[in-house]
Amino acid sequence: MNHTIAVLNELLVDLPIGTNLAMLHVFWALLSGQLLNSRGALFPALKAIGLEDEAVRRAWAAFYGGIWQTVVLIELWRKHVEGLPDWKRHEYEGYKPVVADVTAFWRPSLKKCPSKHYHPAAGRALPAVIFGVVGKVGEINGQRIALPQAFERVHPKDPSEKRLWSIILKKIKKTLLADEIVVVDAGVKVRDLQEAGIAQYVLRLASNFTARRNILPEYRMKGRKPVYGELIRPLARAHKEKVLAASAPDEIQSWDENARTLRIEIWRNLVLPDCAPNAHNKTFDVYAIYDPDFDTPWLLATPVVLKPMSVRNIYKDRWPVEQIPLSGKQMIGSHRQFVHADETIQRLPELALMAGSILSFLAATMPATPTGFWDRKPKRTPGRFRRTLADQAFPKVANLSGRLRKKNSVTAHLPKGFLARMAKNTSTATSASLL
């Protein structure tokens, strides 16, 4: 408990006085999983950690109207973790992975939901609040985690996922260092990365991906002279009962790992199918990785010349970015949400993603607590750590910074609760009529 309080104190101490203590209560409610019991309702979750009614109201006011920004919290959290001696950034042949993904908080009953996302069980797009998640991959105490770098909202005028990915990639390009490499899944295309100006990436390709060589094939003195390079199909596939054979690779490599043999086929110097050979084309290599542990091979593309094992390990480092929404939704119960204002439907998911990252960090830096006598070899997982906090109310006496305290403002003359909202609405309407 003391370690959790110390971490949150470090994160929130520089927020405005009063708001910082109220946000500490919000984070404690999230980390302890109180949204699970309240089925996503924030007021009961705050009450469940032992707060007085006035403290619950202050926490809610700080959440929906406080002077704070998620981007600032992310930057403070990043600096805190990177300043720890146990934090170690992953690196492969001089390149450090920067991972990105898109996650959705489903809101099927929310009126005027700003965006939609494909739901595999429903087989169609459903109303959801979606975010782009960008992180840097490293490890602490031997446990791999993704440290958040940004949570991107959809564009207010174009909430499509395509536009969101465009925003994500352009912002990554602005901050990408020479020794960093972007790692993304098949939802992004090679063309998207090229248009964003990103020259260092590892990308998962679709199984039906095709490309062309950046040189013209030899003219056979018959028919039209070739305009495009040879078509390359890394994986065989069937089309209208006809099997389309895979192209022969330029290189084949293999190695043994954990009592199994991995085989990699490589195609070099490729361009997109609609590109004619040109010395100025942006070329890339394609790797087909056959692993006995997986039914289908991984098809990866990168413009950077790397060892096959490094390409595989860099792509494996994309997986920790999925831990952030997993810890921030199912683990703490924020997959259900009951907020409806335009700003709160964005703020609560962002705080949940922050809480998911903090929960993974706390689990990695604290001893694993067994669930019961049957749990003989407990692992340091976010879910297990959340269960240790679930049974504990917010401490009445905590070692907090002097800045984390209630702001002693005179509020006795102000309307409270519903009356305050009515007064605010009346004031807004009066101002609009005067204009």
Protein backbone atom coordinates (compact mmCIF):
# COMPACT_ATOMS: atom_id res chain seq x y z
CA MET A 1 0.00 0.00 0.00
CA ASN A 2 2.76 2.47 0.92
CA HIS A 3 4.53 1.81 -2.38
CA THR A 4 1.32 2.50 -4.32
CA ILE A 5 0.74 5.75 -2.43
CA ALA A 6 4.34 6.82 -3.05
CA VAL A 7 4.04 6.18 -6.81
CA LEU A 8 0.75 8.09 -7.09
CA ASN A 9 2.17 10.91 -4.93
CA GLU A 10 5.08 11.25 -7.36
CA LEU A 11 2.71 11.33 -10.34
CA LEU A 12 0.12 13.80 -9.02
CA VAL A 13 2.04 16.10 -6.68
CA ASP A 14 2.43 18.93 -9.23
CA LEU A 15 -1.27 19.17 -10.06
CA PRO A 16 -3.19 22.10 -8.52
CA ILE A 17 -3.72 21.80 -4.76
CA GLY A 18 -7.00 20.06 -4.01
CA THR A 19 -7.22 18.59 -7.51
CA ASN A 20 -4.15 16.44 -6.83
CA LEU A 21 -5.64 14.83 -3.71
CA ALA A 22 -8.99 14.29 -5.43
CA MET A 23 -7.26 12.66 -8.43
CA LEU A 24 -5.32 10.46 -6.01
CA HIS A 25 -8.69 9.16 -4.76
CA VAL A 26 -9.83 8.55 -8.36
CA PHE A 27 -6.69 6.58 -9.20
CA TRP A 28 -6.97 4.53 -6.00
CA ALA A 29 -10.56 3.59 -6.90
CA LEU A 30 -9.42 2.55 -10.39
CA LEU A 31 -6.34 0.60 -9.29
CA SER A 32 -8.25 -1.30 -6.60
CA GLY A 33 -10.83 -2.45 -9.15
CA GLN A 34 -13.85 -0.81 -7.52
CA LEU A 35 -15.43 -0.31 -10.95
CA LEU A 36 -15.87 -4.09 -11.12
CA ASN A 37 -18.28 -4.13 -8.16
CA SER A 38 -20.03 -0.90 -9.22
CA ARG A 39 -20.32 -2.15 -12.85
CA GLY A 40 -18.59 0.95 -14.18
CA ALA A 41 -20.28 3.61 -12.02
CA LEU A 42 -17.73 6.07 -10.64
CA PHE A 43 -19.64 7.44 -7.61
CA PRO A 44 -20.13 4.01 -5.93
CA ALA A 45 -16.52 3.12 -6.78
CA LEU A 46 -15.25 6.23 -4.98
CA LYS A 47 -17.53 5.59 -2.03
CA ALA A 48 -16.31 1.99 -1.78
CA ILE A 49 -12.75 3.06 -0.93
CA GLY A 50 -14.03 4.67 2.30
CA LEU A 51 -14.39 8.32 1.29
CA GLU A 52 -16.81 10.71 2.92
CA ASP A 53 -19.60 12.10 0.74
CA GLU A 54 -17.87 15.46 0.35
CA ALA A 55 -14.63 13.77 -0.71
CA VAL A 56 -16.56 11.75 -3.30
CA ARG A 57 -18.02 14.96 -4.72
CA ARG A 58 -14.61 16.61 -4.81
CA ALA A 59 -13.12 13.61 -6.61
CA TRP A 60 -15.89 13.70 -9.20
CA ALA A 61 -15.48 17.46 -9.69
CA ALA A 62 -11.71 17.05 -10.16
CA PHE A 63 -12.30 14.24 -12.64
CA TYR A 64 -14.73 16.00 -14.97
CA GLY A 65 -13.71 19.64 -14.50
CA GLY A 66 -10.23 19.66 -13.01
CA ILE A 67 -7.40 21.67 -14.58
CA TRP A 68 -5.28 18.74 -15.73
CA GLN A 69 -4.43 17.08 -19.03
CA THR A 70 -3.77 13.42 -19.76
CA VAL A 71 -0.77 14.29 -21.91
CA VAL A 72 0.89 15.91 -18.88
CA LEU A 73 0.18 12.89 -16.67
CA ILE A 74 1.68 10.59 -19.32
CA GLU A 75 4.82 12.72 -19.52
CA LEU A 76 5.19 12.77 -15.72
CA TRP A 77 4.68 9.01 -15.57
CA ARG A 78 7.22 8.40 -18.35
CA LYS A 79 9.87 10.52 -16.61
CA HIS A 80 9.25 8.74 -13.30
CA VAL A 81 9.71 5.25 -14.75
CA GLU A 82 12.65 6.13 -17.00
CA GLY A 83 14.40 7.68 -14.01
CA LEU A 84 14.40 4.40 -12.10
CA PRO A 85 17.67 2.43 -12.11
CA ASP A 86 15.83 -0.86 -12.74
CA TRP A 87 14.16 0.34 -15.96
CA LYS A 88 15.86 -0.99 -19.08
CA ARG A 89 14.76 -0.12 -22.60
CA HIS A 90 14.77 -3.03 -25.09
CA GLU A 91 17.24 -2.68 -27.95
CA TYR A 92 18.02 -4.84 -31.00
CA GLU A 93 21.00 -4.07 -33.24
CA GLY A 94 20.88 -0.49 -32.04
CA TYR A 95 17.11 -0.01 -32.52
CA LYS A 96 14.59 0.51 -29.71
CA PRO A 97 10.94 -0.46 -30.38
CA VAL A 98 8.16 2.13 -30.31
CA VAL A 99 4.83 0.29 -30.47
CA ALA A 100 1.38 1.53 -31.45
CA ASP A 101 -2.13 0.07 -31.43
CA VAL A 102 -5.80 1.10 -31.37
CA THR A 103 -8.19 0.10 -28.58
CA ALA A 104 -11.93 0.62 -28.09
CA PHE A 105 -14.19 1.21 -25.11
CA TRP A 106 -17.58 -0.08 -26.23
CA ARG A 107 -20.51 2.29 -25.62
CA PRO A 108 -23.47 0.71 -27.51
CA SER A 109 -26.08 2.76 -25.61
CA LEU A 110 -24.25 6.09 -25.71
CA LYS A 111 -26.15 8.72 -27.70
CA LYS A 112 -24.05 10.57 -30.28
CA CYS A 113 -21.04 8.34 -29.66
CA PRO A 114 -18.11 10.02 -31.46
CA SER A 115 -16.79 6.90 -33.20
CA LYS A 116 -17.28 3.23 -34.06
CA HIS A 117 -15.07 0.16 -33.99
CA TYR A 118 -15.41 -3.31 -35.51
CA HIS A 119 -16.64 -5.89 -33.00
CA PRO A 120 -15.69 -9.45 -34.05
CA ALA A 121 -18.53 -11.11 -32.12
CA ALA A 122 -21.15 -8.81 -33.62
CA GLY A 123 -19.58 -8.94 -37.07
CA ARG A 124 -20.01 -5.20 -37.59
CA ALA A 125 -18.89 -1.82 -36.26
CA LEU A 126 -20.48 -0.77 -32.97
CA PRO A 127 -20.45 2.58 -31.12
CA ALA A 128 -17.22 2.89 -29.20
CA VAL A 129 -14.80 5.49 -27.90
CA ILE A 130 -11.51 4.59 -29.56
CA PHE A 131 -7.95 5.64 -28.77
CA GLY A 132 -4.53 5.21 -30.25
CA VAL A 133 -1.99 3.87 -27.74
CA VAL A 134 1.71 4.55 -28.28
CA GLY A 135 4.40 3.21 -25.99
CA LYS A 136 8.08 2.43 -25.54
CA VAL A 137 8.99 -1.15 -24.66
CA GLY A 138 11.36 -2.09 -21.90
CA GLU A 139 11.54 -4.19 -18.78
CA ILE A 140 11.74 -3.72 -15.06
CA ASN A 141 12.78 -6.50 -12.72
CA GLY A 142 12.83 -8.84 -15.71
CA GLN A 143 9.18 -8.14 -16.61
CA ARG A 144 8.43 -6.67 -20.04
CA ILE A 145 6.06 -3.69 -20.14
CA ALA A 146 5.12 -0.90 -22.56
CA LEU A 147 5.58 2.57 -21.11
CA PRO A 148 2.85 4.88 -22.53
CA GLN A 149 4.02 7.74 -24.69
CA ALA A 150 0.63 9.02 -25.93
CA PHE A 151 -3.09 8.28 -25.97
CA GLU A 152 -4.53 9.77 -29.15
CA ARG A 153 -8.21 10.71 -29.51
CA VAL A 154 -10.11 10.56 -32.80
CA HIS A 155 -10.38 13.70 -34.90
CA PRO A 156 -13.62 15.55 -33.96
CA LYS A 157 -14.64 16.05 -37.62
CA ASP A 158 -13.40 12.72 -38.97
CA PRO A 159 -13.64 9.99 -36.29
CA SER A 160 -12.66 7.16 -38.66
CA GLU A 161 -10.00 4.71 -37.61
CA LYS A 162 -8.05 5.47 -40.80
CA ARG A 163 -7.79 9.14 -39.80
CA LEU A 164 -6.82 8.13 -36.27
CA TRP A 165 -3.94 6.01 -37.59
CA SER A 166 -2.83 8.92 -39.75
CA ILE A 167 -2.71 11.14 -36.65
CA ILE A 168 -0.82 8.49 -34.66
CA LEU A 169 1.83 7.92 -37.33
CA LYS A 170 2.41 11.62 -38.00
CA LYS A 171 2.90 12.32 -34.28
CA ILE A 172 5.22 9.33 -33.91
CA LYS A 173 7.28 10.67 -36.83
CA LYS A 174 7.73 14.01 -35.02
CA THR A 175 9.22 12.39 -31.91
CA LEU A 176 10.92 9.32 -33.44
CA LEU A 177 14.64 9.23 -32.69
CA ALA A 178 17.32 7.87 -34.99
CA ASP A 179 17.75 4.78 -32.81
CA GLU A 180 14.01 3.96 -32.55
CA ILE A 181 11.90 1.70 -34.76
CA VAL A 182 8.09 1.68 -35.07
CA VAL A 183 6.29 -1.65 -34.58
CA VAL A 184 2.66 -1.99 -35.71
CA ASP A 185 0.19 -4.73 -36.60
CA ALA A 186 -1.64 -5.53 -39.84
CA GLY A 187 -4.22 -2.76 -39.34
CA VAL A 188 -1.61 -0.42 -40.86
CA LYS A 189 -0.32 -0.67 -44.42
CA VAL A 190 3.16 -0.14 -45.82
CA ARG A 191 1.82 2.82 -47.79
CA ASP A 192 0.56 4.47 -44.58
CA LEU A 193 4.01 4.34 -43.02
CA GLN A 194 5.66 5.62 -46.18
CA GLU A 195 3.20 8.54 -46.48
CA ALA A 196 3.88 9.45 -42.84
CA GLY A 197 7.60 9.60 -43.65
CA ILE A 198 8.57 6.79 -41.26
CA ALA A 199 11.67 5.02 -42.56
CA GLN A 200 12.23 2.66 -39.60
CA TYR A 201 9.47 0.17 -38.96
CA VAL A 202 8.54 -3.49 -38.58
CA LEU A 203 5.03 -4.20 -39.86
CA ARG A 204 2.86 -7.31 -39.78
CA LEU A 205 1.47 -7.96 -43.28
CA ALA A 206 -1.75 -9.60 -44.40
CA SER A 207 -1.42 -13.21 -45.57
CA ASN A 208 -2.43 -12.21 -49.14
CA PHE A 209 0.15 -9.42 -49.36
CA THR A 210 1.95 -8.97 -52.69
CA ALA A 211 4.81 -6.71 -53.77
CA ARG A 212 7.10 -6.22 -56.75
CA ARG A 213 10.83 -6.20 -57.30
CA ASN A 214 12.45 -2.84 -57.86
CA ILE A 215 14.09 -3.99 -61.10
CA LEU A 216 12.54 -4.78 -64.48
CA PRO A 217 12.52 -8.42 -65.59
CA GLU A 218 14.47 -9.35 -68.69
CA TYR A 219 12.59 -8.64 -71.94
CA ARG A 220 11.90 -11.87 -73.82
CA MET A 221 11.59 -10.23 -77.24
CA LYS A 222 7.88 -10.93 -77.40
CA GLY A 223 4.90 -8.75 -76.56
CA ARG A 224 4.96 -5.50 -74.66
CA LYS A 225 8.09 -4.52 -72.80
CA PRO A 226 7.70 -4.93 -69.02
CA VAL A 227 6.82 -1.79 -67.04
CA TYR A 228 6.68 -3.25 -63.51
CA GLY A 229 9.00 -5.55 -61.64
CA GLU A 230 8.30 -9.21 -61.02
CA LEU A 231 5.27 -9.83 -58.76
CA ILE A 232 6.24 -11.38 -55.42
CA ARG A 233 3.71 -13.44 -53.45
CA PRO A 234 5.38 -14.52 -50.17
CA LEU A 235 2.64 -16.98 -49.15
CA ALA A 236 0.67 -19.36 -51.35
CA ARG A 237 -3.10 -18.92 -51.43
CA ALA A 238 -6.17 -20.22 -53.21
CA HIS A 239 -8.32 -18.04 -55.48
CA LYS A 240 -11.47 -19.41 -57.19
CA GLU A 241 -10.36 -23.01 -56.67
CA LYS A 242 -6.99 -22.19 -58.16
CA VAL A 243 -3.84 -22.35 -56.04
CA LEU A 244 -1.53 -19.39 -56.46
CA ALA A 245 1.97 -20.59 -55.66
CA ALA A 246 4.33 -18.63 -53.45
CA SER A 247 7.33 -16.90 -55.02
CA ALA A 248 10.77 -18.37 -54.48
CA PRO A 249 12.60 -16.50 -51.69
CA ASP A 250 15.95 -14.77 -52.09
CA GLU A 251 17.26 -16.24 -48.85
CA ILE A 252 16.33 -19.02 -46.45
CA GLN A 253 17.68 -19.14 -42.91
CA SER A 254 16.89 -21.30 -39.89
CA TRP A 255 17.92 -21.73 -36.29
CA ASP A 256 17.02 -23.84 -33.26
CA GLU A 257 15.29 -22.32 -30.28
CA ASN A 258 13.81 -24.07 -27.24
CA ALA A 259 13.84 -27.51 -28.87
CA ARG A 260 12.14 -26.31 -32.06
CA THR A 261 13.41 -25.16 -35.44
CA LEU A 262 12.42 -21.79 -36.88
CA ARG A 263 12.68 -21.19 -40.62
CA ILE A 264 12.68 -17.78 -42.30
CA GLU A 265 12.21 -16.96 -45.98
CA ILE A 266 13.36 -13.51 -47.10
CA TRP A 267 12.62 -11.35 -50.15
CA ARG A 268 14.86 -8.30 -50.62
CA ASN A 269 14.48 -4.90 -52.29
CA LEU A 270 10.71 -4.86 -52.85
CA VAL A 271 8.28 -2.05 -53.65
CA LEU A 272 4.50 -1.71 -53.57
CA PRO A 273 2.61 -3.41 -56.44
CA ASP A 274 1.74 -0.16 -58.24
CA CYS A 275 5.32 1.19 -58.23
CA ALA A 276 7.43 1.00 -61.37
CA PRO A 277 11.14 0.32 -60.77
CA ASN A 278 12.97 3.49 -59.82
CA ALA A 279 16.14 4.32 -57.94
CA HIS A 280 14.16 6.73 -55.73
CA ASN A 281 11.54 4.18 -54.62
CA LYS A 282 11.17 3.38 -50.94
CA THR A 283 12.10 -0.29 -50.77
CA PHE A 284 11.60 -2.85 -48.01
CA ASP A 285 12.31 -6.49 -47.22
CA VAL A 286 9.71 -9.13 -46.43
CA TYR A 287 10.27 -11.94 -43.93
CA ALA A 288 8.07 -15.05 -43.68
CA ILE A 289 8.76 -16.64 -40.29
CA TYR A 290 7.66 -20.24 -39.81
CA ASP A 291 7.38 -21.15 -36.13
CA PRO A 292 6.05 -24.59 -35.05
CA ASP A 293 4.19 -22.88 -32.19
CA PHE A 294 1.94 -21.03 -34.66
CA ASP A 295 -0.42 -22.42 -37.29
CA THR A 296 0.36 -19.72 -39.84
CA PRO A 297 3.66 -17.97 -40.55
CA TRP A 298 4.32 -14.38 -39.57
CA LEU A 299 4.71 -12.09 -42.58
CA LEU A 300 6.74 -9.02 -41.64
CA ALA A 301 8.06 -6.07 -43.62
CA THR A 302 10.87 -3.67 -42.75
CA PRO A 303 13.03 -1.24 -44.74
CA VAL A 304 15.87 -1.66 -42.24
CA VAL A 305 18.48 -4.35 -42.87
CA LEU A 306 18.38 -6.55 -39.77
CA LYS A 307 19.10 -10.10 -38.77
CA PRO A 308 16.02 -12.34 -39.06
CA MET A 309 16.09 -13.07 -35.32
CA SER A 310 16.12 -9.34 -34.56
CA VAL A 311 13.11 -8.75 -36.85
CA ARG A 312 11.20 -11.50 -35.04
CA ASN A 313 12.13 -10.22 -31.58
CA ILE A 314 11.26 -6.62 -32.47
CA TYR A 315 7.79 -7.69 -33.60
CA LYS A 316 7.30 -9.76 -30.44
CA ASP A 317 7.86 -6.54 -28.49
CA ARG A 318 4.61 -5.20 -29.96
CA TRP A 319 2.59 -7.44 -27.64
CA PRO A 320 3.13 -5.41 -24.41
CA VAL A 321 1.11 -2.52 -25.89
CA GLU A 322 -1.94 -4.77 -25.68
CA GLN A 323 -1.33 -5.22 -21.95
CA ILE A 324 -2.19 -1.56 -21.31
CA PRO A 325 -5.87 -1.76 -22.45
CA LEU A 326 -6.20 -5.28 -21.00
CA SER A 327 -5.12 -4.05 -17.57
CA GLY A 328 -7.08 -0.82 -18.02
CA LYS A 329 -10.38 -2.45 -19.01
CA GLN A 330 -11.09 -6.00 -17.85
CA MET A 331 -8.66 -5.96 -14.91
CA ILE A 332 -10.10 -2.88 -13.20
CA GLY A 333 -13.63 -2.95 -14.61
CA SER A 334 -13.58 0.14 -16.85
CA HIS A 335 -14.86 -1.83 -19.85
CA ARG A 336 -18.26 -0.66 -18.52
CA GLN A 337 -18.64 3.10 -18.17
CA PHE A 338 -21.51 5.38 -17.19
CA VAL A 339 -20.34 8.86 -18.15
CA HIS A 340 -22.04 10.81 -20.91
CA ALA A 341 -20.62 14.33 -21.24
CA ASP A 342 -18.42 15.02 -24.27
CA GLU A 343 -15.25 15.41 -22.21
CA THR A 344 -15.84 12.75 -19.55
CA ILE A 345 -16.38 9.99 -22.14
CA GLN A 346 -12.81 10.74 -23.24
CA ARG A 347 -11.23 11.39 -19.83
CA LEU A 348 -12.38 8.24 -18.06
CA PRO A 349 -10.93 5.85 -20.69
CA GLU A 350 -7.68 7.81 -20.70
CA LEU A 351 -7.42 7.54 -16.91
CA ALA A 352 -8.27 3.84 -17.15
CA LEU A 353 -5.42 3.30 -19.63
CA MET A 354 -3.10 5.23 -17.30
CA ALA A 355 -4.25 3.07 -14.39
CA GLY A 356 -3.61 -0.06 -16.45
CA SER A 357 -0.04 1.02 -17.09
CA ILE A 358 0.51 1.91 -13.43
CA LEU A 359 -0.99 -1.42 -12.34
CA SER A 360 1.42 -3.37 -14.58
CA PHE A 361 4.32 -1.33 -13.20
CA LEU A 362 3.30 -1.87 -9.57
CA ALA A 363 2.89 -5.60 -10.18
CA ALA A 364 6.40 -5.77 -11.64
CA THR A 365 8.00 -3.85 -8.77
CA MET A 366 6.29 -5.55 -5.83
CA PRO A 367 6.55 -9.13 -4.52
CA ALA A 368 3.83 -11.43 -5.86
CA THR A 369 1.08 -12.09 -3.33
CA PRO A 370 -0.47 -15.59 -3.50
CA THR A 371 -4.24 -15.71 -3.91
CA GLY A 372 -4.50 -18.59 -1.43
CA PHE A 373 -2.74 -21.73 -0.18
CA TRP A 374 -3.16 -23.30 -3.62
CA ASP A 375 -1.21 -20.51 -5.30
CA ARG A 376 2.25 -21.97 -4.71
CA LYS A 377 4.13 -20.13 -7.46
CA PRO A 378 2.47 -16.72 -7.77
CA LYS A 379 3.53 -14.47 -10.61
CA ARG A 380 3.67 -10.69 -10.61
CA THR A 381 0.58 -9.97 -12.67
CA PRO A 382 -1.68 -6.86 -12.71
CA GLY A 383 -4.73 -8.91 -11.76
CA ARG A 384 -3.10 -10.42 -8.70
CA PHE A 385 -1.83 -7.03 -7.53
CA ARG A 386 -5.27 -5.49 -8.06
CA ARG A 387 -6.78 -8.14 -5.79
CA THR A 388 -4.39 -7.15 -3.00
CA LEU A 389 -5.66 -3.54 -3.22
CA ALA A 390 -9.33 -4.49 -3.58
CA ASP A 391 -9.70 -5.39 0.09
CA GLN A 392 -8.06 -2.20 1.36
CA ALA A 393 -9.79 1.15 1.80
CA PHE A 394 -7.92 4.35 1.10
CA PRO A 395 -5.60 4.87 4.09
CA LYS A 396 -6.78 7.45 6.60
CA VAL A 397 -3.17 8.32 7.38
CA ALA A 398 -0.82 8.32 4.40
CA ASN A 399 2.68 9.68 3.86
CA LEU A 400 1.69 12.32 1.32
CA SER A 401 3.50 15.39 0.08
CA GLY A 402 2.44 18.67 1.67
CA ARG A 403 0.94 19.72 -1.68
CA LEU A 404 -1.49 16.77 -1.73
CA ARG A 405 -4.20 18.14 0.49
CA LYS A 406 -7.71 19.51 0.45
CA LYS A 407 -7.93 23.10 -0.75
CA ASN A 408 -9.51 25.12 2.04
CA SER A 409 -11.66 27.41 -0.10
CA VAL A 410 -14.80 29.15 1.18
CA THR A 411 -17.72 27.41 -0.57
CA ALA A 412 -20.56 27.69 1.95
CA HIS A 413 -22.26 30.42 -0.10
CA LEU A 414 -22.20 28.39 -3.35
CA PRO A 415 -25.04 26.11 -4.53
CA LYS A 416 -24.29 22.40 -4.33
CA GLY A 417 -25.17 19.36 -6.42
CA PHE A 418 -28.15 19.73 -8.78
CA LEU A 419 -28.64 23.38 -7.78
CA ALA A 420 -25.05 24.17 -8.86
CA ARG A 421 -25.65 22.59 -12.26
CA MET A 422 -28.90 24.54 -12.69
CA ALA A 423 -27.14 27.78 -11.74
CA LYS A 424 -24.38 27.09 -14.26
CA ASN A 425 -26.87 26.38 -17.04
CA THR A 426 -28.83 29.52 -16.24
CA SER A 427 -25.66 31.63 -16.28
CA THR A 428 -24.61 30.15 -19.63
CA ALA A 429 -28.05 30.82 -21.16
CA THR A 430 -28.03 34.41 -19.88
CA SER A 431 -24.59 35.08 -21.35
CA ALA A 432 -25.66 33.64 -24.71
CA SER A 433 -28.77 35.86 -24.81
CA LEU A 434 -26.70 38.97 -24.09
CA LEU A 435 -24.47 38.15 -27.00
